[in-house]
Structures are given as structure tokens and as C-alpha cells.
């Protein structure tokens, strides 16, 4: 018995803009293919795409009121949008690598620290059995394990959202882009 492959669902977004410049960051001096999308356009597209399950395919239709005099902008817009989200995927991948490196360093420091705290707690526990020694011993044990909080947080929770963002940006960097003249 074979599993049938279901094609990824296609989700469509229609953007309506007056002119091409509305899609790009006006503070970015680079040519269109390398320009950042306007922050509002970027946020709108990301927020829209985030609502769909991983593995979805995206089709973005841009309705352009003022068609440029130098011809069809479809190829240029497709390249610019794909480049923008590819770049964001690379930036996020770099942030993930940095986070995981920080996690490894934090884990090494945490293991050394918790070990010292546990040895100290054990040594204090052997000094006596009165309340003061017990409190000091338990306090060192707790402090040692609290030091492991950050590495565990990184490796259990913090990397997932970044990985999800990378997948989203990769999906958007391959979105089908269509430009239509008119409203």
C-alpha cells in the first residue's frame, strides 16, 4: 500500500498598489532587485503567510494602477520579492546559528557552575545537619540548577520560532508572483 502524495495547498494574496515605489523601502538606495520591501508591505505579507500551515505554496498577485513606462515589471518584481525573502531567510539562519552557539557556551558554563554548586552543597551538607547548613546546601543546589535555565530555554524553546521563520521566508522566496495592470 502506497501513500498518495497530496499537493501542497496554494494560498493567494492580492496586493493593490498605486505605483511600484509603494512596495519598496524608500530609505534603501539600492536598485529594485536588491531593495528591501517597504516595512508595511513586508509585515502584511509575512502576517498573511504565517496564517497558513508549513508546506503551503503562495501566489501573490500585485494589482498595479500606474504601469511603468519602461514595460512589464513582472520579472523585476518577482526577482525583488524573491531576493528580499531569501535575504531574510539568510539573516534568520544566521541569528539561529548565533543563538545555538550562545546556547552551547551557556550550557558549558551552566554545567561547570551547577557542578561546583552541587559539590559545594555536598561539602556543606557534610559539615553538619543543623538548619543553617541545610538551608545553605539546598540554596546552592537551587542556584546551580537555576543557572541551567537559559541553556535549557534556548535548546527547548527559543530555536523553534526562528526555524519556523526560516521555513516561511523560504516559502515566500519561492512564491509565484503575478503583476496585473489596473485595480
C-alpha atoms as a PDB file:
ATOM      1  CA  UNK A   1       0.000   0.000   0.000  1.00  0.00           C
ATOM      2  CA  UNK A   2       1.492   3.337  -1.001  1.00  0.00           C
ATOM      3  CA  UNK A   3       0.837   6.695   0.467  1.00  0.00           C
ATOM      4  CA  UNK A   4      -0.648   9.152  -2.003  1.00  0.00           C
ATOM      5  CA  UNK A   5       1.187  12.429  -2.207  1.00  0.00           C
ATOM      6  CA  UNK A   6      -1.102  15.363  -1.621  1.00  0.00           C
ATOM      7  CA  UNK A   7      -0.045  18.527  -3.388  1.00  0.00           C
ATOM      8  CA  UNK A   8       0.687  21.431  -1.061  1.00  0.00           C
ATOM      9  CA  UNK A   9      -2.259  23.801  -0.778  1.00  0.00           C
ATOM     10  CA  UNK A  10      -1.995  27.080  -2.681  1.00  0.00           C
ATOM     11  CA  UNK A  11      -2.899  30.298  -0.887  1.00  0.00           C
ATOM     12  CA  UNK A  12      -3.439  33.531  -2.781  1.00  0.00           C
ATOM     13  CA  UNK A  13      -2.826  37.127  -1.767  1.00  0.00           C
ATOM     14  CA  UNK A  14      -3.855  40.164  -3.806  1.00  0.00           C
ATOM     15  CA  UNK A  15      -1.943  43.387  -3.190  1.00  0.00           C
ATOM     16  CA  UNK A  16      -3.244  46.614  -4.674  1.00  0.00           C
ATOM     17  CA  UNK A  17      -0.767  49.463  -5.103  1.00  0.00           C
ATOM     18  CA  UNK A  18      -0.778  52.718  -7.000  1.00  0.00           C
ATOM     19  CA  UNK A  19       2.862  52.541  -8.127  1.00  0.00           C
ATOM     20  CA  UNK A  20       5.901  50.286  -7.798  1.00  0.00           C
ATOM     21  CA  UNK A  21       7.609  52.566  -5.275  1.00  0.00           C
ATOM     22  CA  UNK A  22       4.920  51.731  -2.685  1.00  0.00           C
ATOM     23  CA  UNK A  23       6.296  48.198  -2.399  1.00  0.00           C
ATOM     24  CA  UNK A  24       9.872  49.199  -1.623  1.00  0.00           C
ATOM     25  CA  UNK A  25      11.625  50.867   1.294  1.00  0.00           C
ATOM     26  CA  UNK A  26      12.179  54.481   0.266  1.00  0.00           C
ATOM     27  CA  UNK A  27      15.202  54.738   2.593  1.00  0.00           C
ATOM     28  CA  UNK A  28      17.024  51.936   0.738  1.00  0.00           C
ATOM     29  CA  UNK A  29      19.229  53.395  -2.030  1.00  0.00           C
ATOM     30  CA  UNK A  30      19.914  50.076  -3.825  1.00  0.00           C
ATOM     31  CA  UNK A  31      18.370  49.031  -7.153  1.00  0.00           C
ATOM     32  CA  UNK A  32      14.986  47.284  -7.104  1.00  0.00           C
ATOM     33  CA  UNK A  33      16.319  43.704  -7.235  1.00  0.00           C
ATOM     34  CA  UNK A  34      18.299  44.272  -4.044  1.00  0.00           C
ATOM     35  CA  UNK A  35      15.903  46.614  -2.262  1.00  0.00           C
ATOM     36  CA  UNK A  36      14.122  45.839   0.939  1.00  0.00           C
ATOM     37  CA  UNK A  37      10.371  45.688   0.737  1.00  0.00           C
ATOM     38  CA  UNK A  38       8.552  48.516   2.440  1.00  0.00           C
ATOM     39  CA  UNK A  39       8.251  47.536   6.131  1.00  0.00           C
ATOM     40  CA  UNK A  40       4.455  47.688   5.988  1.00  0.00           C
ATOM     41  CA  UNK A  41       4.313  45.586   2.815  1.00  0.00           C
ATOM     42  CA  UNK A  42       6.740  43.091   4.359  1.00  0.00           C
ATOM     43  CA  UNK A  43       4.719  42.861   7.578  1.00  0.00           C
ATOM     44  CA  UNK A  44       1.482  42.459   5.654  1.00  0.00           C
ATOM     45  CA  UNK A  45       2.856  39.622   3.504  1.00  0.00           C
ATOM     46  CA  UNK A  46       4.503  37.861   6.473  1.00  0.00           C
ATOM     47  CA  UNK A  47       1.402  38.139   8.656  1.00  0.00           C
ATOM     48  CA  UNK A  48      -0.765  36.797   5.852  1.00  0.00           C
ATOM     49  CA  UNK A  49       1.582  33.867   5.142  1.00  0.00           C
ATOM     50  CA  UNK A  50       2.010  32.989   8.822  1.00  0.00           C
ATOM     51  CA  UNK A  51      -1.648  32.024   8.996  1.00  0.00           C
ATOM     52  CA  UNK A  52      -1.123  29.005   6.741  1.00  0.00           C
ATOM     53  CA  UNK A  53       0.398  25.619   7.573  1.00  0.00           C
ATOM     54  CA  UNK A  54       4.018  24.780   6.755  1.00  0.00           C
ATOM     55  CA  UNK A  55       4.417  23.381   3.275  1.00  0.00           C
ATOM     56  CA  UNK A  56       1.836  25.701   1.744  1.00  0.00           C
ATOM     57  CA  UNK A  57       2.518  27.355  -1.586  1.00  0.00           C
ATOM     58  CA  UNK A  58       1.924  31.048  -2.070  1.00  0.00           C
ATOM     59  CA  UNK A  59       0.695  33.021  -5.062  1.00  0.00           C
ATOM     60  CA  UNK A  60       0.922  36.787  -4.762  1.00  0.00           C
ATOM     61  CA  UNK A  61      -0.906  38.934  -7.296  1.00  0.00           C
ATOM     62  CA  UNK A  62       0.067  42.590  -7.408  1.00  0.00           C
ATOM     63  CA  UNK A  63      -2.520  44.896  -8.939  1.00  0.00           C
ATOM     64  CA  UNK A  64      -0.575  47.914 -10.177  1.00  0.00           C
ATOM     65  CA  UNK A  65      -2.595  51.044 -11.059  1.00  0.00           C
ATOM     66  CA  UNK A  66       0.204  53.046 -12.704  1.00  0.00           C
ATOM     67  CA  UNK A  67       2.001  50.776 -15.125  1.00  0.00           C
ATOM     68  CA  UNK A  68       5.657  51.825 -15.586  1.00  0.00           C
ATOM     69  CA  UNK A  69       6.536  53.433 -18.902  1.00  0.00           C
ATOM     70  CA  UNK A  70       9.533  51.135 -19.395  1.00  0.00           C
ATOM     71  CA  UNK A  71       7.425  47.973 -19.745  1.00  0.00           C
ATOM     72  CA  UNK A  72       6.208  44.969 -17.806  1.00  0.00           C
ATOM     73  CA  UNK A  73       7.620  44.957 -14.239  1.00  0.00           C
ATOM     74  CA  UNK A  74       6.682  41.313 -13.554  1.00  0.00           C
ATOM     75  CA  UNK A  75      10.177  39.870 -13.831  1.00  0.00           C
ATOM     76  CA  UNK A  76      11.744  42.685 -11.798  1.00  0.00           C
ATOM     77  CA  UNK A  77       9.115  42.425  -9.032  1.00  0.00           C
ATOM     78  CA  UNK A  78       9.378  38.646  -8.893  1.00  0.00           C
ATOM     79  CA  UNK A  79      13.156  38.872  -8.530  1.00  0.00           C
ATOM     80  CA  UNK A  80      12.941  41.649  -5.942  1.00  0.00           C
ATOM     81  CA  UNK A  81      10.399  39.828  -3.757  1.00  0.00           C
ATOM     82  CA  UNK A  82      12.231  36.505  -4.026  1.00  0.00           C
ATOM     83  CA  UNK A  83      15.578  38.187  -3.214  1.00  0.00           C
ATOM     84  CA  UNK A  84      14.057  40.031  -0.259  1.00  0.00           C
ATOM     85  CA  UNK A  85      12.708  36.890   1.391  1.00  0.00           C
ATOM     86  CA  UNK A  86      15.832  34.851   0.537  1.00  0.00           C
ATOM     87  CA  UNK A  87      17.876  37.525   2.289  1.00  0.00           C
ATOM     88  CA  UNK A  88      15.542  37.454   5.314  1.00  0.00           C
ATOM     89  CA  UNK A  89      15.893  33.654   5.441  1.00  0.00           C
ATOM     90  CA  UNK A  90      19.694  34.008   5.459  1.00  0.00           C
ATOM     91  CA  UNK A  91      19.552  36.679   8.177  1.00  0.00           C
ATOM     92  CA  UNK A  92      17.313  34.490  10.329  1.00  0.00           C
ATOM     93  CA  UNK A  93      19.502  31.434   9.673  1.00  0.00           C
ATOM     94  CA  UNK A  94      22.472  33.478  10.894  1.00  0.00           C
ATOM     95  CA  UNK A  95      20.523  34.532  14.006  1.00  0.00           C
ATOM     96  CA  UNK A  96      19.683  30.864  14.666  1.00  0.00           C
ATOM     97  CA  UNK A  97      23.347  29.851  14.375  1.00  0.00           C
ATOM     98  CA  UNK A  98      24.275  32.649  16.788  1.00  0.00           C
ATOM     99  CA  UNK A  99      21.561  31.563  19.242  1.00  0.00           C
ATOM    100  CA  UNK A 100      22.684  27.918  19.143  1.00  0.00           C
ATOM    101  CA  UNK A 101      26.331  28.956  19.635  1.00  0.00           C
ATOM    102  CA  UNK A 102      25.224  31.064  22.619  1.00  0.00           C
ATOM    103  CA  UNK A 103      23.306  28.042  23.886  1.00  0.00           C
ATOM    104  CA  UNK A 104      26.373  25.807  23.679  1.00  0.00           C
ATOM    105  CA  UNK A 105      28.519  28.336  25.570  1.00  0.00           C
ATOM    106  CA  UNK A 106      25.760  28.867  28.150  1.00  0.00           C
ATOM    107  CA  UNK A 107      25.411  25.104  28.552  1.00  0.00           C
ATOM    108  CA  UNK A 108      29.145  24.653  29.141  1.00  0.00           C
ATOM    109  CA  UNK A 109      29.171  27.472  31.707  1.00  0.00           C
ATOM    110  CA  UNK A 110      25.986  26.140  33.322  1.00  0.00           C
ATOM    111  CA  UNK A 111      27.344  22.594  33.650  1.00  0.00           C
ATOM    112  CA  UNK A 112      30.537  23.842  35.292  1.00  0.00           C
ATOM    113  CA  UNK A 113      28.570  26.130  37.613  1.00  0.00           C
ATOM    114  CA  UNK A 114      25.946  23.555  38.609  1.00  0.00           C
ATOM    115  CA  UNK A 115      28.730  21.034  39.248  1.00  0.00           C
ATOM    116  CA  UNK A 116      30.541  23.479  41.543  1.00  0.00           C
ATOM    117  CA  UNK A 117      27.280  24.294  43.335  1.00  0.00           C
ATOM    118  CA  UNK A 118      26.451  20.597  43.844  1.00  0.00           C
ATOM    119  CA  UNK A 119      29.960  19.847  45.143  1.00  0.00           C
ATOM    120  CA  UNK A 120      29.682  22.860  47.450  1.00  0.00           C
ATOM    121  CA  UNK A 121      26.238  21.767  48.647  1.00  0.00           C
ATOM    122  CA  UNK A 122      27.563  18.282  49.307  1.00  0.00           C
ATOM    123  CA  UNK A 123      30.537  19.679  51.240  1.00  0.00           C
ATOM    124  CA  UNK A 124      28.277  21.953  53.324  1.00  0.00           C
ATOM    125  CA  UNK A 125      25.923  19.028  53.969  1.00  0.00           C
ATOM    126  CA  UNK A 126      28.808  17.012  55.400  1.00  0.00           C
ATOM    127  CA  UNK A 127      29.698  19.842  57.844  1.00  0.00           C
ATOM    128  CA  UNK A 128      26.606  19.336  59.881  1.00  0.00           C
ATOM    129  CA  UNK A 129      22.906  18.602  59.989  1.00  0.00           C
ATOM    130  CA  UNK A 130      21.550  21.792  61.560  1.00  0.00           C
ATOM    131  CA  UNK A 131      19.078  24.132  59.826  1.00  0.00           C
ATOM    132  CA  UNK A 132      21.735  26.651  58.718  1.00  0.00           C
ATOM    133  CA  UNK A 133      23.788  24.009  56.897  1.00  0.00           C
ATOM    134  CA  UNK A 134      20.667  22.503  55.319  1.00  0.00           C
ATOM    135  CA  UNK A 135      19.493  25.910  54.066  1.00  0.00           C
ATOM    136  CA  UNK A 136      22.943  26.733  52.648  1.00  0.00           C
ATOM    137  CA  UNK A 137      23.195  23.305  50.988  1.00  0.00           C
ATOM    138  CA  UNK A 138      19.701  23.470  49.449  1.00  0.00           C
ATOM    139  CA  UNK A 139      20.251  27.091  48.351  1.00  0.00           C
ATOM    140  CA  UNK A 140      23.428  26.152  46.469  1.00  0.00           C
ATOM    141  CA  UNK A 141      21.607  23.260  44.789  1.00  0.00           C
ATOM    142  CA  UNK A 142      18.760  25.529  43.684  1.00  0.00           C
ATOM    143  CA  UNK A 143      21.111  28.282  42.472  1.00  0.00           C
ATOM    144  CA  UNK A 144      23.089  25.716  40.476  1.00  0.00           C
ATOM    145  CA  UNK A 145      20.007  24.389  38.697  1.00  0.00           C
ATOM    146  CA  UNK A 146      18.627  27.885  38.079  1.00  0.00           C
ATOM    147  CA  UNK A 147      21.889  28.609  36.239  1.00  0.00           C
ATOM    148  CA  UNK A 148      20.853  25.925  33.731  1.00  0.00           C
ATOM    149  CA  UNK A 149      17.629  27.786  32.928  1.00  0.00           C
ATOM    150  CA  UNK A 150      18.948  29.803  29.974  1.00  0.00           C
ATOM    151  CA  UNK A 151      20.698  26.964  28.103  1.00  0.00           C
ATOM    152  CA  UNK A 152      17.628  24.783  28.531  1.00  0.00           C
ATOM    153  CA  UNK A 153      15.372  27.594  27.360  1.00  0.00           C
ATOM    154  CA  UNK A 154      17.480  28.034  24.217  1.00  0.00           C
ATOM    155  CA  UNK A 155      17.585  24.332  23.353  1.00  0.00           C
ATOM    156  CA  UNK A 156      13.990  23.540  24.282  1.00  0.00           C
ATOM    157  CA  UNK A 157      12.071  26.642  23.185  1.00  0.00           C
ATOM    158  CA  UNK A 158      13.946  29.583  21.616  1.00  0.00           C
ATOM    159  CA  UNK A 159      15.145  27.954  18.403  1.00  0.00           C
ATOM    160  CA  UNK A 160      11.707  26.765  17.188  1.00  0.00           C
ATOM    161  CA  UNK A 161      10.306  30.192  16.221  1.00  0.00           C
ATOM    162  CA  UNK A 162      13.464  31.028  14.274  1.00  0.00           C
ATOM    163  CA  UNK A 163      13.344  27.734  12.397  1.00  0.00           C
ATOM    164  CA  UNK A 164       9.672  28.350  11.590  1.00  0.00           C
ATOM    165  CA  UNK A 165      10.534  31.844  10.289  1.00  0.00           C
ATOM    166  CA  UNK A 166      13.288  30.430   8.071  1.00  0.00           C
ATOM    167  CA  UNK A 167      10.798  27.984   6.522  1.00  0.00           C
ATOM    168  CA  UNK A 168       8.279  30.781   5.995  1.00  0.00           C
ATOM    169  CA  UNK A 169      10.859  33.029   4.312  1.00  0.00           C
ATOM    170  CA  UNK A 170      11.979  30.150   2.105  1.00  0.00           C
ATOM    171  CA  UNK A 171       8.384  29.542   1.066  1.00  0.00           C
ATOM    172  CA  UNK A 172       7.888  33.252   0.321  1.00  0.00           C
ATOM    173  CA  UNK A 173      11.162  33.390  -1.610  1.00  0.00           C
ATOM    174  CA  UNK A 174       9.666  30.858  -3.983  1.00  0.00           C
ATOM    175  CA  UNK A 175       6.178  32.354  -4.182  1.00  0.00           C
ATOM    176  CA  UNK A 176       4.570  32.713  -7.570  1.00  0.00           C
ATOM    177  CA  UNK A 177       4.360  36.451  -8.304  1.00  0.00           C
ATOM    178  CA  UNK A 178       1.950  37.866 -10.857  1.00  0.00           C
ATOM    179  CA  UNK A 179       1.639  41.552 -11.753  1.00  0.00           C
ATOM    180  CA  UNK A 180      -1.605  42.820 -13.254  1.00  0.00           C
ATOM    181  CA  UNK A 181      -2.252  46.276 -14.599  1.00  0.00           C
ATOM    182  CA  UNK A 182      -5.230  48.059 -13.093  1.00  0.00           C
ATOM    183  CA  UNK A 183      -7.190  47.957  -9.854  1.00  0.00           C
END
